[in-house]
Amino acid sequence: KGLGKNEDGRVEPVEIILLPTGKSLDACAELREKNKLKQPFKRKKTKGNQNSKVNQVPVQDVFDFINNTLGGRKGNIEDLKQNQQCDTLDRRKSGKSKNDRNYNVELFKLEEEKSRIQKMLSKQHDSVSRNNGK
């Protein structure tokens, strides 16, 4: 099954070939014939000491700088979760959450009333438009 309307098109994907910039296609063809054209997907062999990455000092990014200057700390995720759970429990115990629930119930009732009035208004407009034609 190929691509296209009748599924009779290409089955194999077209491979890409990266060519050097600034060279003509003739020059690229000559380089390919001489096998001097680089293959970009081959891994380059690392020269020198493989432990050089280990010996390098890690590069600080902007966020590390901000955290260090502002006294930020790296915390344990479990501690953060416990703090968030305590905050939600305190909020539930306070009267504020009851007021929020009451507010939400009142808001729901008002929205229902608004939608009922809008439906009634649209029916009235329809009846007026029908009677104007007579």
Protein backbone atom coordinates (compact mmCIF):
# COMPACT_ATOMS: atom_id res chain seq x y z
CA LYS A 1 0.00 0.00 0.00
CA GLY A 2 1.46 3.28 -1.06
CA LEU A 3 0.61 6.91 -0.63
CA GLY A 4 -1.96 8.69 -2.74
CA LYS A 5 -5.61 8.47 -3.69
CA ASN A 6 -5.44 4.92 -5.08
CA GLU A 7 -2.65 3.80 -2.75
CA ASP A 8 -0.32 3.28 -5.70
CA GLY A 9 2.34 5.83 -4.78
CA ARG A 10 5.68 5.55 -3.04
CA VAL A 11 6.10 2.87 -0.44
CA GLU A 12 9.70 3.54 0.55
CA PRO A 13 10.49 6.92 2.14
CA VAL A 14 12.90 9.21 0.34
CA GLU A 15 16.18 9.46 2.19
CA ILE A 16 17.62 12.90 2.77
CA ILE A 17 21.17 13.77 1.90
CA LEU A 18 22.73 16.80 3.52
CA LEU A 19 25.07 18.58 1.16
CA PRO A 20 27.70 21.13 2.10
CA THR A 21 26.56 24.73 1.78
CA GLY A 22 28.06 26.91 -0.92
CA LYS A 23 29.04 24.01 -3.17
CA SER A 24 27.48 23.28 -6.54
CA LEU A 25 25.70 20.02 -7.21
CA ASP A 26 28.50 19.01 -9.58
CA ALA A 27 31.09 19.50 -6.85
CA CYS A 28 28.92 17.51 -4.42
CA ALA A 29 28.61 14.69 -6.97
CA GLU A 30 32.40 14.60 -7.37
CA LEU A 31 32.86 14.51 -3.60
CA ARG A 32 30.35 11.65 -3.36
CA GLU A 33 32.21 9.69 -6.06
CA LYS A 34 35.48 10.14 -4.19
CA ASN A 35 33.76 9.18 -0.90
CA LYS A 36 34.88 12.44 0.64
CA LEU A 37 31.35 13.60 1.38
CA LYS A 38 30.72 13.59 5.11
CA GLN A 39 27.93 11.40 6.40
CA PRO A 40 26.21 13.47 9.06
CA PHE A 41 24.55 10.59 10.89
CA LYS A 42 27.74 8.72 11.75
CA ARG A 43 29.02 9.20 15.26
CA LYS A 44 32.34 10.86 15.58
CA LYS A 45 34.95 9.08 17.65
CA THR A 46 35.88 10.99 20.73
CA LYS A 47 39.54 11.82 21.01
CA GLY A 48 41.39 12.25 24.21
CA ASN A 49 40.35 11.41 27.71
CA GLN A 50 36.81 10.11 28.07
CA ASN A 51 36.75 11.27 31.68
CA SER A 52 37.14 14.88 30.63
CA LYS A 53 33.40 15.38 30.93
CA VAL A 54 33.53 14.14 34.50
CA ASN A 55 36.33 16.57 35.34
CA GLN A 56 34.53 19.57 33.85
CA VAL A 57 32.75 21.97 36.18
CA PRO A 58 29.00 21.89 35.57
CA VAL A 59 27.72 25.03 33.90
CA GLN A 60 25.33 27.06 36.02
CA ASP A 61 22.18 28.21 34.34
CA VAL A 62 20.10 31.25 35.13
CA PHE A 63 17.82 29.40 37.53
CA ASP A 64 20.74 28.12 39.63
CA PHE A 65 22.06 31.67 39.82
CA ILE A 66 18.67 33.01 40.95
CA ASN A 67 18.25 30.27 43.52
CA ASN A 68 21.72 30.88 44.95
CA THR A 69 21.39 34.65 45.13
CA LEU A 70 17.87 34.66 46.55
CA GLY A 71 18.59 31.88 49.01
CA GLY A 72 16.44 29.31 47.31
CA ARG A 73 16.71 25.78 48.55
CA LYS A 74 16.31 22.43 46.96
CA GLY A 75 13.65 20.59 48.86
CA ASN A 76 12.46 17.07 49.08
CA ILE A 77 9.31 16.40 47.07
CA GLU A 78 7.77 14.46 49.93
CA ASP A 79 8.13 17.50 52.22
CA LEU A 80 6.43 19.71 49.63
CA LYS A 81 3.56 17.26 49.26
CA GLN A 82 3.05 17.13 53.03
CA ASN A 83 3.03 20.94 53.24
CA GLN A 84 0.44 21.18 50.48
CA GLN A 85 -1.75 18.58 52.16
CA CYS A 86 -1.57 20.48 55.45
CA ASP A 87 -2.54 23.72 53.69
CA THR A 88 -5.60 22.13 52.09
CA LEU A 89 -6.66 20.58 55.39
CA ASP A 90 -6.34 23.95 57.15
CA ARG A 91 -8.35 25.62 54.41
CA ARG A 92 -11.10 23.00 54.69
CA LYS A 93 -11.29 23.41 58.45
CA SER A 94 -11.62 27.17 58.23
CA GLY A 95 -14.96 28.85 57.62
CA LYS A 96 -13.70 30.30 54.38
CA SER A 97 -14.28 27.04 52.51
CA LYS A 98 -17.91 26.97 53.68
CA ASN A 99 -18.36 30.48 52.35
CA ASP A 100 -16.84 29.39 49.06
CA ARG A 101 -19.27 26.48 48.80
CA ASN A 102 -22.22 28.73 49.58
CA TYR A 103 -20.98 31.22 47.01
CA ASN A 104 -20.72 28.49 44.38
CA VAL A 105 -24.26 27.27 45.12
CA GLU A 106 -25.64 30.79 44.82
CA LEU A 107 -23.71 31.32 41.60
CA PHE A 108 -25.14 28.10 40.16
CA LYS A 109 -28.69 29.13 41.08
CA LEU A 110 -28.23 32.54 39.47
CA GLU A 111 -26.87 30.98 36.28
CA GLU A 112 -29.88 28.64 36.10
CA GLU A 113 -32.25 31.58 36.58
CA LYS A 114 -30.41 33.57 33.90
CA SER A 115 -30.67 30.74 31.37
CA ARG A 116 -34.38 30.25 32.15
CA ILE A 117 -35.08 33.96 31.59
CA GLN A 118 -33.09 33.98 28.34
CA LYS A 119 -35.13 31.04 27.01
CA MET A 120 -38.38 32.77 27.96
CA LEU A 121 -37.21 36.00 26.31
CA SER A 122 -36.32 34.23 23.07
CA LYS A 123 -39.77 32.60 23.00
CA GLN A 124 -41.39 35.99 23.48
CA HIS A 125 -39.35 37.47 20.61
CA ASP A 126 -40.43 34.60 18.35
CA SER A 127 -44.11 35.10 19.21
CA VAL A 128 -43.88 38.88 18.60
CA SER A 129 -42.22 38.35 15.23
CA ARG A 130 -44.97 35.88 14.21
CA ASN A 131 -47.76 38.27 15.23
CA ASN A 132 -46.20 41.28 13.44
CA GLY A 133 -46.70 39.54 10.11
CA LYS A 134 -50.54 39.36 10.51
